[in-house]
Amino acid sequence: MPFIATNLTVLSTANGFTLWHYRTTDSRAETEAPGYFAADADRVRVGDVIMVQASDGSTMLSLRYGNLTSAPTVLDASGAPPTIQRSANFPFSPILTANPEARAIIFDAFPDAIESGASIPVAVTIQGNISNITFQLRNTAGTVLATLSSAVANRRASVLFPAQAPGGGYRVRAFNTADTNHATLSAPFAIGAPPRLLTEDGGVLLLEQGGQLLLF
């Protein structure tokens, strides 16, 4: 059967483009033949798309030069209305692997008496993969007074902080230089005044500064 112009209707048009619909009892092969739509060349334009419902299925044809159509897109070969799938399920199951590693920074005990004017020895024992330790000496207010670093050797790291004024509440913070979140804080310690020397003068014991110490 030849092309029937009244069966060609507009579905949508915009910006110089028209989407057409054509229903026919012809087969898909007949509607795809060159020149099938030539009789309606005054209406259709190059680039328009025609959705064809033929006797043996549905196709989508794009019009090219000379009223020839492009290779058809077969929507359905059985004649049933075309369907478009708009959603799908994509399974996704990540697999994460990890190797746990124990790491620790353990302070040695501080000396029982740390005198003013003497260096402050600090040492730690290391567990795990840590290559460098940073030490911060802090006062009772948490102010950092000095910062030193030490490489780890044989699971040990140590530093000597400079002398500080007598007082209590000093602490040392030690942390992994490569991971500042991995840190530990020492117990508080005090720095005392050095012992005073006593001298004897005529049977009287004197303080180092010359004051008298009376014994009863």
N, C-alpha and C. Protein backbone atom coordinates (compact mmCIF):
# COMPACT_ATOMS: atom_id res chain seq x y z
N MET A 1 0.86 -1.19 0.00
CA MET A 1 0.00 0.00 0.00
C MET A 1 0.89 1.23 0.00
N PRO A 2 0.56 2.23 -0.78
CA PRO A 2 1.38 3.45 -0.82
C PRO A 2 1.22 4.27 0.45
N PHE A 3 2.11 5.25 0.59
CA PHE A 3 2.09 6.16 1.73
C PHE A 3 0.77 6.92 1.78
N ILE A 4 0.20 7.05 3.00
CA ILE A 4 -1.06 7.78 3.22
C ILE A 4 -0.75 9.00 4.06
N ALA A 5 -0.84 10.17 3.46
CA ALA A 5 -0.41 11.40 4.12
C ALA A 5 -1.21 11.70 5.39
N THR A 6 -2.49 11.35 5.41
CA THR A 6 -3.32 11.68 6.58
C THR A 6 -2.92 10.85 7.81
N ASN A 7 -2.20 9.75 7.58
CA ASN A 7 -1.77 8.92 8.72
C ASN A 7 -0.49 9.48 9.39
N LEU A 8 0.11 10.50 8.76
CA LEU A 8 1.32 11.10 9.31
C LEU A 8 0.91 12.33 10.12
N THR A 9 1.06 12.24 11.45
CA THR A 9 0.64 13.33 12.35
C THR A 9 1.80 13.78 13.23
N VAL A 10 1.68 15.02 13.68
CA VAL A 10 2.75 15.61 14.49
C VAL A 10 2.55 15.26 15.97
N LEU A 11 3.61 14.74 16.59
CA LEU A 11 3.59 14.49 18.04
C LEU A 11 4.13 15.68 18.81
N SER A 12 5.22 16.27 18.29
CA SER A 12 5.83 17.41 18.97
C SER A 12 6.70 18.16 17.98
N THR A 13 6.81 19.47 18.19
CA THR A 13 7.68 20.27 17.32
C THR A 13 8.27 21.41 18.13
N ALA A 14 9.56 21.71 17.89
CA ALA A 14 10.26 22.79 18.58
C ALA A 14 11.60 23.02 17.92
N ASN A 15 12.00 24.30 17.84
CA ASN A 15 13.32 24.66 17.32
C ASN A 15 13.60 24.07 15.94
N GLY A 16 12.61 24.07 15.08
CA GLY A 16 12.81 23.57 13.72
C GLY A 16 12.86 22.06 13.61
N PHE A 17 12.52 21.36 14.68
CA PHE A 17 12.50 19.89 14.66
C PHE A 17 11.09 19.40 14.93
N THR A 18 10.69 18.32 14.23
CA THR A 18 9.36 17.75 14.41
C THR A 18 9.46 16.24 14.64
N LEU A 19 8.74 15.78 15.65
CA LEU A 19 8.61 14.34 15.90
C LEU A 19 7.25 13.90 15.37
N TRP A 20 7.27 12.95 14.40
CA TRP A 20 6.05 12.53 13.71
C TRP A 20 5.64 11.14 14.18
N HIS A 21 4.34 10.85 13.95
CA HIS A 21 3.83 9.50 14.17
C HIS A 21 3.12 9.05 12.88
N TYR A 22 3.42 7.80 12.48
CA TYR A 22 2.79 7.27 11.25
C TYR A 22 2.32 5.84 11.51
N ARG A 23 1.02 5.63 11.29
CA ARG A 23 0.44 4.30 11.43
C ARG A 23 0.05 3.78 10.05
N THR A 24 0.39 2.49 9.79
CA THR A 24 0.11 1.92 8.47
C THR A 24 -0.04 0.41 8.58
N THR A 25 -0.70 -0.16 7.59
CA THR A 25 -0.79 -1.63 7.50
C THR A 25 0.36 -2.20 6.69
N ASP A 26 1.23 -1.31 6.17
CA ASP A 26 2.42 -1.77 5.46
C ASP A 26 3.40 -2.39 6.47
N SER A 27 4.33 -3.15 5.95
CA SER A 27 5.36 -3.74 6.81
C SER A 27 6.44 -2.72 7.13
N ARG A 28 7.28 -3.06 8.06
CA ARG A 28 8.38 -2.17 8.40
C ARG A 28 9.32 -2.00 7.21
N ALA A 29 9.57 -3.08 6.51
CA ALA A 29 10.48 -3.02 5.36
C ALA A 29 9.97 -2.06 4.29
N GLU A 30 8.65 -2.03 4.10
CA GLU A 30 8.08 -1.13 3.09
C GLU A 30 8.26 0.34 3.50
N THR A 31 8.02 0.64 4.78
CA THR A 31 8.16 2.04 5.22
C THR A 31 9.61 2.50 5.22
N GLU A 32 10.55 1.55 5.28
CA GLU A 32 11.97 1.89 5.30
C GLU A 32 12.56 2.01 3.90
N ALA A 33 11.77 1.71 2.88
CA ALA A 33 12.28 1.78 1.51
C ALA A 33 12.54 3.22 1.11
N PRO A 34 13.58 3.49 0.29
CA PRO A 34 13.87 4.86 -0.15
C PRO A 34 12.67 5.49 -0.86
N GLY A 35 12.35 6.73 -0.52
CA GLY A 35 11.29 7.47 -1.18
C GLY A 35 9.90 7.18 -0.67
N TYR A 36 9.75 6.34 0.37
CA TYR A 36 8.42 6.00 0.86
C TYR A 36 7.67 7.26 1.30
N PHE A 37 8.36 8.20 1.93
CA PHE A 37 7.72 9.42 2.42
C PHE A 37 7.89 10.60 1.47
N ALA A 38 8.36 10.34 0.25
CA ALA A 38 8.63 11.43 -0.69
C ALA A 38 7.38 12.23 -1.04
N ALA A 39 6.21 11.60 -0.99
CA ALA A 39 4.98 12.31 -1.35
C ALA A 39 4.67 13.43 -0.37
N ASP A 40 5.24 13.40 0.80
CA ASP A 40 4.98 14.44 1.80
C ASP A 40 6.22 15.29 2.05
N ALA A 41 7.04 15.44 1.00
CA ALA A 41 8.30 16.15 1.15
C ALA A 41 8.12 17.61 1.50
N ASP A 42 6.93 18.17 1.23
CA ASP A 42 6.72 19.59 1.55
C ASP A 42 6.52 19.82 3.04
N ARG A 43 6.22 18.77 3.79
CA ARG A 43 6.02 18.93 5.24
C ARG A 43 7.23 18.47 6.06
N VAL A 44 7.76 17.31 5.74
CA VAL A 44 8.87 16.76 6.53
C VAL A 44 10.17 17.44 6.13
N ARG A 45 11.10 17.52 7.10
CA ARG A 45 12.38 18.15 6.86
C ARG A 45 13.51 17.23 7.31
N VAL A 46 14.67 17.50 6.75
CA VAL A 46 15.84 16.71 7.12
C VAL A 46 16.10 16.87 8.62
N GLY A 47 16.30 15.77 9.31
CA GLY A 47 16.51 15.79 10.75
C GLY A 47 15.28 15.44 11.55
N ASP A 48 14.09 15.51 10.92
CA ASP A 48 12.88 15.09 11.62
C ASP A 48 12.94 13.59 11.91
N VAL A 49 12.16 13.17 12.91
CA VAL A 49 12.10 11.75 13.29
C VAL A 49 10.65 11.28 13.18
N ILE A 50 10.47 10.10 12.57
CA ILE A 50 9.13 9.52 12.41
C ILE A 50 9.07 8.22 13.19
N MET A 51 8.11 8.13 14.11
CA MET A 51 7.83 6.87 14.80
C MET A 51 6.77 6.13 13.99
N VAL A 52 7.15 4.98 13.49
CA VAL A 52 6.30 4.21 12.58
C VAL A 52 5.71 3.02 13.32
N GLN A 53 4.39 2.88 13.27
CA GLN A 53 3.71 1.67 13.73
C GLN A 53 3.25 0.89 12.50
N ALA A 54 4.05 -0.09 12.12
CA ALA A 54 3.76 -0.89 10.93
C ALA A 54 3.04 -2.17 11.32
N SER A 55 2.73 -2.96 10.34
CA SER A 55 1.97 -4.20 10.59
C SER A 55 2.77 -5.24 11.35
N ASP A 56 4.10 -5.17 11.25
CA ASP A 56 4.93 -6.19 11.90
C ASP A 56 5.86 -5.60 12.96
N GLY A 57 5.52 -4.44 13.49
CA GLY A 57 6.34 -3.89 14.56
C GLY A 57 6.45 -2.39 14.46
N SER A 58 7.24 -1.82 15.37
CA SER A 58 7.42 -0.37 15.44
C SER A 58 8.89 -0.02 15.25
N THR A 59 9.13 1.08 14.52
CA THR A 59 10.48 1.54 14.28
C THR A 59 10.54 3.05 14.44
N MET A 60 11.77 3.56 14.51
CA MET A 60 11.98 5.00 14.56
C MET A 60 12.92 5.35 13.41
N LEU A 61 12.46 6.27 12.52
CA LEU A 61 13.23 6.63 11.33
C LEU A 61 13.63 8.10 11.40
N SER A 62 14.89 8.38 11.05
CA SER A 62 15.37 9.75 10.96
C SER A 62 15.47 10.13 9.50
N LEU A 63 14.93 11.30 9.14
CA LEU A 63 14.92 11.74 7.75
C LEU A 63 16.27 12.37 7.38
N ARG A 64 16.79 11.94 6.23
CA ARG A 64 18.05 12.49 5.74
C ARG A 64 17.81 13.24 4.44
N TYR A 65 18.89 13.57 3.74
CA TYR A 65 18.77 14.34 2.51
C TYR A 65 17.94 13.59 1.48
N GLY A 66 17.25 14.35 0.64
CA GLY A 66 16.47 13.76 -0.44
C GLY A 66 15.31 12.93 0.04
N ASN A 67 14.81 13.20 1.24
CA ASN A 67 13.67 12.45 1.81
C ASN A 67 13.98 10.97 2.03
N LEU A 68 15.25 10.64 2.08
CA LEU A 68 15.63 9.26 2.40
C LEU A 68 15.72 9.11 3.92
N THR A 69 15.43 7.95 4.41
CA THR A 69 15.49 7.71 5.86
C THR A 69 16.78 6.99 6.22
N SER A 70 17.20 7.18 7.46
CA SER A 70 18.40 6.51 7.94
C SER A 70 18.07 5.06 8.28
N ALA A 71 19.10 4.33 8.69
CA ALA A 71 18.86 2.95 9.15
C ALA A 71 17.88 2.99 10.31
N PRO A 72 16.88 2.13 10.31
CA PRO A 72 15.83 2.21 11.32
C PRO A 72 16.30 1.75 12.69
N THR A 73 15.70 2.33 13.70
CA THR A 73 15.85 1.84 15.06
C THR A 73 14.60 1.05 15.39
N VAL A 74 14.74 -0.25 15.57
CA VAL A 74 13.59 -1.12 15.81
C VAL A 74 13.21 -1.01 17.28
N LEU A 75 12.00 -0.51 17.51
CA LEU A 75 11.51 -0.38 18.87
C LEU A 75 10.88 -1.67 19.35
N ASP A 76 10.17 -2.34 18.44
CA ASP A 76 9.50 -3.59 18.80
C ASP A 76 9.15 -4.33 17.53
N ALA A 77 9.53 -5.57 17.44
CA ALA A 77 9.27 -6.35 16.22
C ALA A 77 8.02 -7.19 16.32
N SER A 78 7.34 -7.16 17.47
CA SER A 78 6.15 -7.99 17.64
C SER A 78 4.85 -7.21 17.49
N GLY A 79 4.94 -5.90 17.42
CA GLY A 79 3.75 -5.08 17.24
C GLY A 79 3.22 -4.51 18.53
N ALA A 80 3.76 -4.93 19.70
CA ALA A 80 3.31 -4.37 20.97
C ALA A 80 3.90 -2.99 21.17
N PRO A 81 3.27 -2.13 21.97
CA PRO A 81 3.79 -0.78 22.20
C PRO A 81 5.20 -0.83 22.79
N PRO A 82 6.06 0.10 22.38
CA PRO A 82 7.42 0.10 22.92
C PRO A 82 7.44 0.50 24.39
N THR A 83 8.37 -0.02 25.14
CA THR A 83 8.54 0.33 26.55
C THR A 83 9.96 0.83 26.77
N ILE A 84 10.08 1.73 27.73
CA ILE A 84 11.39 2.28 28.08
C ILE A 84 11.65 2.01 29.55
N GLN A 85 12.76 1.38 29.85
CA GLN A 85 13.11 1.10 31.23
C GLN A 85 13.79 2.34 31.81
N ARG A 86 13.23 2.86 32.89
CA ARG A 86 13.74 4.11 33.45
C ARG A 86 14.54 3.92 34.73
N SER A 87 14.61 2.71 35.25
CA SER A 87 15.38 2.48 36.47
C SER A 87 15.98 1.09 36.44
N ALA A 88 17.01 0.91 37.23
CA ALA A 88 17.68 -0.38 37.30
C ALA A 88 18.39 -0.50 38.64
N ASN A 89 18.66 -1.70 39.04
CA ASN A 89 19.39 -1.96 40.27
C ASN A 89 20.81 -2.37 39.93
N PHE A 90 21.76 -1.65 40.50
CA PHE A 90 23.16 -1.96 40.28
C PHE A 90 23.75 -2.46 41.60
N PRO A 91 23.98 -3.74 41.73
CA PRO A 91 24.54 -4.24 43.00
C PRO A 91 25.94 -3.70 43.23
N PHE A 92 26.20 -3.30 44.48
CA PHE A 92 27.50 -2.75 44.82
C PHE A 92 27.87 -3.23 46.22
N SER A 93 28.93 -3.98 46.32
CA SER A 93 29.34 -4.50 47.61
C SER A 93 30.85 -4.35 47.76
N PRO A 94 31.29 -3.24 48.40
CA PRO A 94 32.73 -3.03 48.56
C PRO A 94 33.33 -4.03 49.54
N ILE A 95 34.56 -4.42 49.29
CA ILE A 95 35.29 -5.31 50.17
C ILE A 95 36.53 -4.57 50.65
N LEU A 96 36.61 -4.33 51.94
CA LEU A 96 37.74 -3.63 52.52
C LEU A 96 38.58 -4.59 53.34
N THR A 97 39.87 -4.52 53.15
CA THR A 97 40.78 -5.35 53.92
C THR A 97 41.73 -4.46 54.70
N ALA A 98 42.11 -4.89 55.86
CA ALA A 98 43.02 -4.11 56.69
C ALA A 98 43.89 -5.04 57.52
N ASN A 99 45.08 -4.57 57.80
CA ASN A 99 45.99 -5.30 58.67
C ASN A 99 46.21 -4.49 59.94
N PRO A 100 45.61 -4.90 61.06
CA PRO A 100 45.77 -4.14 62.30
C PRO A 100 47.21 -4.16 62.78
N GLU A 101 47.64 -3.04 63.37
CA GLU A 101 48.99 -2.93 63.90
C GLU A 101 48.94 -2.19 65.22
N ALA A 102 49.48 -2.81 66.26
CA ALA A 102 49.52 -2.19 67.57
C ALA A 102 50.68 -1.21 67.63
N ARG A 103 50.39 0.02 68.09
CA ARG A 103 51.43 1.03 68.25
C ARG A 103 51.27 1.66 69.63
N ALA A 104 52.38 1.93 70.28
CA ALA A 104 52.31 2.53 71.61
C ALA A 104 53.58 3.33 71.88
N ILE A 105 53.42 4.37 72.71
CA ILE A 105 54.54 5.19 73.18
C ILE A 105 54.46 5.16 74.71
N ILE A 106 55.48 4.59 75.37
CA ILE A 106 55.43 4.37 76.81
C ILE A 106 56.58 5.13 77.46
N PHE A 107 56.24 6.04 78.39
CA PHE A 107 57.25 6.85 79.08
C PHE A 107 58.01 6.02 80.11
N ASP A 108 59.32 6.27 80.21
CA ASP A 108 60.08 5.80 81.34
C ASP A 108 59.70 6.65 82.56
N ALA A 109 59.95 6.11 83.74
CA ALA A 109 59.69 6.89 84.96
C ALA A 109 60.66 8.07 85.03
N PHE A 110 60.15 9.22 85.49
CA PHE A 110 61.01 10.38 85.66
C PHE A 110 61.82 10.24 86.95
N PRO A 111 62.96 10.90 87.02
CA PRO A 111 63.75 10.85 88.26
C PRO A 111 62.94 11.35 89.45
N ASP A 112 63.26 10.81 90.64
CA ASP A 112 62.52 11.24 91.84
C ASP A 112 62.73 12.71 92.13
N ALA A 113 63.93 13.21 91.82
CA ALA A 113 64.21 14.62 92.10
C ALA A 113 64.87 15.24 90.88
N ILE A 114 64.21 16.27 90.35
CA ILE A 114 64.78 17.03 89.23
C ILE A 114 65.08 18.42 89.75
N GLU A 115 66.35 18.80 89.71
CA GLU A 115 66.76 20.07 90.28
C GLU A 115 66.72 21.18 89.25
N SER A 116 66.41 22.36 89.70
CA SER A 116 66.47 23.52 88.84
C SER A 116 67.91 23.75 88.40
N GLY A 117 68.07 24.04 87.12
CA GLY A 117 69.41 24.22 86.58
C GLY A 117 69.99 22.98 85.95
N ALA A 118 69.30 21.84 86.13
CA ALA A 118 69.76 20.59 85.52
C ALA A 118 68.86 20.24 84.34
N SER A 119 69.43 19.52 83.37
CA SER A 119 68.63 19.09 82.22
C SER A 119 67.59 18.08 82.64
N ILE A 120 66.50 17.99 81.86
CA ILE A 120 65.40 17.08 82.18
C ILE A 120 65.46 15.90 81.23
N PRO A 121 65.83 14.71 81.71
CA PRO A 121 65.91 13.54 80.83
C PRO A 121 64.52 12.95 80.58
N VAL A 122 64.21 12.68 79.31
CA VAL A 122 62.93 12.07 78.93
C VAL A 122 63.22 10.91 77.98
N ALA A 123 62.64 9.76 78.24
CA ALA A 123 62.87 8.59 77.39
C ALA A 123 61.56 7.81 77.27
N VAL A 124 61.37 7.18 76.11
CA VAL A 124 60.16 6.38 75.86
C VAL A 124 60.55 5.06 75.20
N THR A 125 59.68 4.08 75.38
CA THR A 125 59.79 2.79 74.67
C THR A 125 58.70 2.75 73.62
N ILE A 126 59.03 2.27 72.43
CA ILE A 126 58.11 2.28 71.28
C ILE A 126 57.65 0.87 70.94
N GLN A 127 56.38 0.76 70.65
CA GLN A 127 55.82 -0.48 70.10
C GLN A 127 55.19 -0.17 68.75
N GLY A 128 55.47 -0.99 67.74
CA GLY A 128 54.89 -0.78 66.43
C GLY A 128 55.82 -0.02 65.51
N ASN A 129 55.29 0.32 64.33
CA ASN A 129 56.09 0.95 63.28
C ASN A 129 56.08 2.47 63.45
N ILE A 130 56.98 2.97 64.25
CA ILE A 130 57.15 4.41 64.46
C ILE A 130 58.62 4.71 64.28
N SER A 131 58.97 5.68 63.45
CA SER A 131 60.37 5.96 63.15
C SER A 131 60.90 7.21 63.82
N ASN A 132 60.02 8.11 64.28
CA ASN A 132 60.49 9.36 64.87
C ASN A 132 59.48 9.85 65.89
N ILE A 133 59.98 10.36 67.03
CA ILE A 133 59.12 10.86 68.10
C ILE A 133 59.40 12.33 68.32
N THR A 134 58.36 13.13 68.48
CA THR A 134 58.47 14.54 68.83
C THR A 134 58.03 14.71 70.29
N PHE A 135 58.85 15.42 71.08
CA PHE A 135 58.57 15.66 72.49
C PHE A 135 58.29 17.15 72.70
N GLN A 136 57.28 17.45 73.52
CA GLN A 136 56.95 18.83 73.89
C GLN A 136 56.92 18.95 75.40
N LEU A 137 57.75 19.83 75.95
CA LEU A 137 57.74 20.11 77.38
C LEU A 137 56.71 21.21 77.63
N ARG A 138 55.79 20.96 78.59
CA ARG A 138 54.72 21.91 78.88
C ARG A 138 54.69 22.24 80.36
N ASN A 139 54.23 23.48 80.65
CA ASN A 139 54.08 23.85 82.05
C ASN A 139 52.67 23.52 82.53
N THR A 140 52.35 23.91 83.75
CA THR A 140 51.06 23.54 84.33
C THR A 140 49.88 24.14 83.58
N ALA A 141 50.11 25.25 82.83
CA ALA A 141 49.05 25.87 82.04
C ALA A 141 48.91 25.24 80.66
N GLY A 142 49.78 24.30 80.32
CA GLY A 142 49.73 23.65 79.01
C GLY A 142 50.53 24.37 77.95
N THR A 143 51.25 25.43 78.31
CA THR A 143 52.07 26.17 77.35
C THR A 143 53.30 25.34 76.97
N VAL A 144 53.58 25.26 75.68
CA VAL A 144 54.74 24.51 75.22
C VAL A 144 55.99 25.35 75.46
N LEU A 145 56.91 24.82 76.27
CA LEU A 145 58.14 25.53 76.63
C LEU A 145 59.29 25.17 75.70
N ALA A 146 59.30 23.94 75.19
CA ALA A 146 60.38 23.50 74.31
C ALA A 146 59.90 22.29 73.52
N THR A 147 60.43 22.13 72.31
CA THR A 147 60.09 21.00 71.45
C THR A 147 61.37 20.38 70.91
N LEU A 148 61.47 19.06 71.04
CA LEU A 148 62.63 18.31 70.55
C LEU A 148 62.14 17.05 69.85
N SER A 149 62.93 16.54 68.90
CA SER A 149 62.60 15.31 68.19
C SER A 149 63.74 14.31 68.31
N SER A 150 63.40 13.03 68.19
CA SER A 150 64.41 11.98 68.28
C SER A 150 64.01 10.83 67.38
N ALA A 151 64.98 10.31 66.64
CA ALA A 151 64.75 9.11 65.84
C ALA A 151 64.63 7.89 66.76
N VAL A 152 63.83 6.93 66.35
CA VAL A 152 63.66 5.71 67.13
C VAL A 152 64.75 4.72 66.74
N ALA A 153 65.44 4.20 67.72
CA ALA A 153 66.49 3.20 67.50
C ALA A 153 66.32 2.09 68.53
N ASN A 154 66.20 0.87 68.04
CA ASN A 154 66.00 -0.28 68.93
C ASN A 154 64.79 -0.06 69.85
N ARG A 155 63.74 0.52 69.26
CA ARG A 155 62.47 0.74 69.94
C ARG A 155 62.59 1.74 71.08
N ARG A 156 63.61 2.60 71.03
CA ARG A 156 63.79 3.61 72.08
C ARG A 156 63.99 4.98 71.45
N ALA A 157 63.55 6.02 72.18
CA ALA A 157 63.79 7.41 71.79
C ALA A 157 63.94 8.22 73.06
N SER A 158 64.86 9.19 73.04
CA SER A 158 65.10 9.97 74.24
C SER A 158 65.62 11.35 73.87
N VAL A 159 65.40 12.34 74.79
CA VAL A 159 65.88 13.71 74.61
C VAL A 159 66.24 14.27 75.98
N LEU A 160 66.97 15.38 75.98
CA LEU A 160 67.27 16.13 77.20
C LEU A 160 66.73 17.55 77.03
N PHE A 161 65.73 17.89 77.84
CA PHE A 161 65.20 19.25 77.78
C PHE A 161 66.06 20.18 78.63
N PRO A 162 66.15 21.45 78.24
CA PRO A 162 66.95 22.39 79.03
C PRO A 162 66.34 22.63 80.40
N ALA A 163 67.17 23.16 81.31
CA ALA A 163 66.74 23.41 82.68
C ALA A 163 65.57 24.38 82.72
N GLN A 164 64.70 24.20 83.71
CA GLN A 164 63.52 25.04 83.88
C GLN A 164 63.47 25.57 85.32
N ALA A 165 62.63 26.54 85.54
CA ALA A 165 62.49 27.12 86.88
C ALA A 165 61.81 26.14 87.82
N PRO A 166 62.09 26.24 89.11
CA PRO A 166 61.41 25.35 90.07
C PRO A 166 59.90 25.52 89.99
N GLY A 167 59.19 24.43 90.17
CA GLY A 167 57.74 24.48 90.13
C GLY A 167 57.17 23.09 89.89
N GLY A 168 55.85 22.98 90.00
CA GLY A 168 55.17 21.72 89.79
C GLY A 168 54.29 21.75 88.55
N GLY A 169 53.74 20.59 88.18
CA GLY A 169 52.81 20.50 87.07
C GLY A 169 53.44 20.43 85.70
N TYR A 170 54.76 20.25 85.62
CA TYR A 170 55.38 20.06 84.30
C TYR A 170 54.95 18.71 83.73
N ARG A 171 54.76 18.67 82.40
CA ARG A 171 54.42 17.41 81.72
C ARG A 171 55.09 17.40 80.36
N VAL A 172 55.25 16.20 79.80
CA VAL A 172 55.82 16.04 78.47
C VAL A 172 54.81 15.31 77.59
N ARG A 173 54.56 15.88 76.41
CA ARG A 173 53.71 15.22 75.41
C ARG A 173 54.62 14.62 74.34
N ALA A 174 54.45 13.32 74.08
CA ALA A 174 55.24 12.63 73.05
C ALA A 174 54.29 12.11 71.99
N PHE A 175 54.62 12.37 70.70
CA PHE A 175 53.74 11.89 69.63
C PHE A 175 54.55 11.43 68.44
N ASN A 176 53.91 10.56 67.65
CA ASN A 176 54.49 10.06 66.41
C ASN A 176 54.60 11.23 65.44
N THR A 177 55.83 11.55 65.03
CA THR A 177 56.02 12.71 64.16
C THR A 177 55.24 12.58 62.86
N ALA A 178 55.07 11.34 62.37
CA ALA A 178 54.35 11.10 61.12
C ALA A 178 52.85 11.04 61.31
N ASP A 179 52.37 10.96 62.55
CA ASP A 179 50.94 10.86 62.82
C ASP A 179 50.68 11.56 64.15
N THR A 180 50.41 12.86 64.10
CA THR A 180 50.29 13.65 65.32
C THR A 180 49.09 13.26 66.18
N ASN A 181 48.15 12.50 65.62
CA ASN A 181 47.01 12.04 66.42
C ASN A 181 47.41 10.91 67.36
N HIS A 182 48.55 10.28 67.10
CA HIS A 182 49.03 9.20 67.96
C HIS A 182 49.99 9.80 68.97
N ALA A 183 49.48 10.09 70.17
CA ALA A 183 50.28 10.81 71.17
C ALA A 183 49.96 10.27 72.55
N THR A 184 50.87 10.60 73.50
CA THR A 184 50.65 10.26 74.90
C THR A 184 51.22 11.36 75.76
N LEU A 185 50.67 11.51 76.97
CA LEU A 185 51.06 12.60 77.87
C LEU A 185 51.61 11.98 79.16
N SER A 186 52.75 12.48 79.60
CA SER A 186 53.38 11.95 80.80
C SER A 186 52.61 12.37 82.05
N ALA A 187 52.92 11.69 83.15
CA ALA A 187 52.40 12.12 84.44
C ALA A 187 53.08 13.43 84.83
N PRO A 188 52.42 14.28 85.61
CA PRO A 188 53.05 15.54 86.01
C PRO A 188 54.26 15.30 86.92
N PHE A 189 55.22 16.18 86.82
CA PHE A 189 56.40 16.09 87.70
C PHE A 189 56.79 17.50 88.11
N ALA A 190 57.64 17.58 89.14
CA ALA A 190 58.04 18.87 89.69
C ALA A 190 59.54 19.06 89.56
N ILE A 191 59.92 20.31 89.54
CA ILE A 191 61.33 20.68 89.54
C ILE A 191 61.59 21.46 90.83
N GLY A 192 62.54 20.96 91.65
CA GLY A 192 62.80 21.58 92.94
C GLY A 192 64.07 22.41 92.94
N ALA A 193 64.22 23.20 93.99
CA ALA A 193 65.44 23.99 94.16
C ALA A 193 66.57 23.07 94.59
N PRO A 194 67.80 23.38 94.23
CA PRO A 194 68.93 22.54 94.64
C PRO A 194 69.11 22.59 96.16
N PRO A 195 69.70 21.57 96.75
CA PRO A 195 69.90 21.55 98.22
C PRO A 195 70.84 22.68 98.66
N ARG A 196 70.55 23.21 99.84
CA ARG A 196 71.38 24.28 100.40
C ARG A 196 72.53 23.67 101.18
N LEU A 197 73.71 24.25 101.11
CA LEU A 197 74.87 23.78 101.82
C LEU A 197 74.95 24.45 103.20
N LEU A 198 75.39 23.68 104.17
CA LEU A 198 75.58 24.20 105.52
C LEU A 198 77.08 24.26 105.82
N THR A 199 77.48 25.30 106.48
CA THR A 199 78.87 25.43 106.92
C THR A 199 78.91 25.66 108.42
N GLU A 200 80.07 25.43 109.01
CA GLU A 200 80.23 25.58 110.47
C GLU A 200 81.21 26.71 110.74
N ASP A 201 80.85 27.53 111.70
CA ASP A 201 81.71 28.65 112.07
C ASP A 201 81.68 28.80 113.59
N GLY A 202 82.75 28.32 114.22
CA GLY A 202 82.84 28.43 115.68
C GLY A 202 81.77 27.64 116.39
N GLY A 203 81.45 26.47 115.89
CA GLY A 203 80.44 25.64 116.53
C GLY A 203 79.02 25.98 116.15
N VAL A 204 78.86 26.92 115.21
CA VAL A 204 77.52 27.33 114.75
C VAL A 204 77.38 26.92 113.28
N LEU A 205 76.27 26.20 112.95
CA LEU A 205 76.01 25.81 111.57
C LEU A 205 75.38 26.98 110.82
N LEU A 206 75.92 27.29 109.65
CA LEU A 206 75.44 28.42 108.85
C LEU A 206 74.85 27.93 107.53
N LEU A 207 73.84 28.62 107.01
CA LEU A 207 73.32 28.35 105.67
C LEU A 207 74.32 28.83 104.63
N GLU A 208 74.13 28.39 103.40
CA GLU A 208 75.05 28.76 102.34
C GLU A 208 75.10 30.27 102.15
N GLN A 209 74.00 30.96 102.35
CA GLN A 209 73.95 32.40 102.16
C GLN A 209 74.39 33.18 103.39
N GLY A 210 74.76 32.47 104.46
CA GLY A 210 75.26 33.17 105.63
C GLY A 210 74.30 33.25 106.76
N GLY A 211 73.07 32.83 106.59
CA GLY A 211 72.13 32.86 107.70
C GLY A 211 72.46 31.77 108.72
N GLN A 212 72.12 31.97 109.96
CA GLN A 212 72.42 30.99 111.00
C GLN A 212 71.31 29.95 111.08
N LEU A 213 71.70 28.67 111.28
CA LEU A 213 70.77 27.59 111.53
C LEU A 213 70.90 27.20 112.98
N LEU A 214 69.89 27.41 113.78
CA LEU A 214 69.95 27.13 115.19
C LEU A 214 69.48 25.70 115.45
N LEU A 215 70.26 24.95 116.23
CA LEU A 215 69.93 23.58 116.60
C LEU A 215 69.68 23.52 118.08
N PHE A 216 68.59 22.88 118.50
CA PHE A 216 68.27 22.78 119.90
C PHE A 216 68.33 21.31 120.29
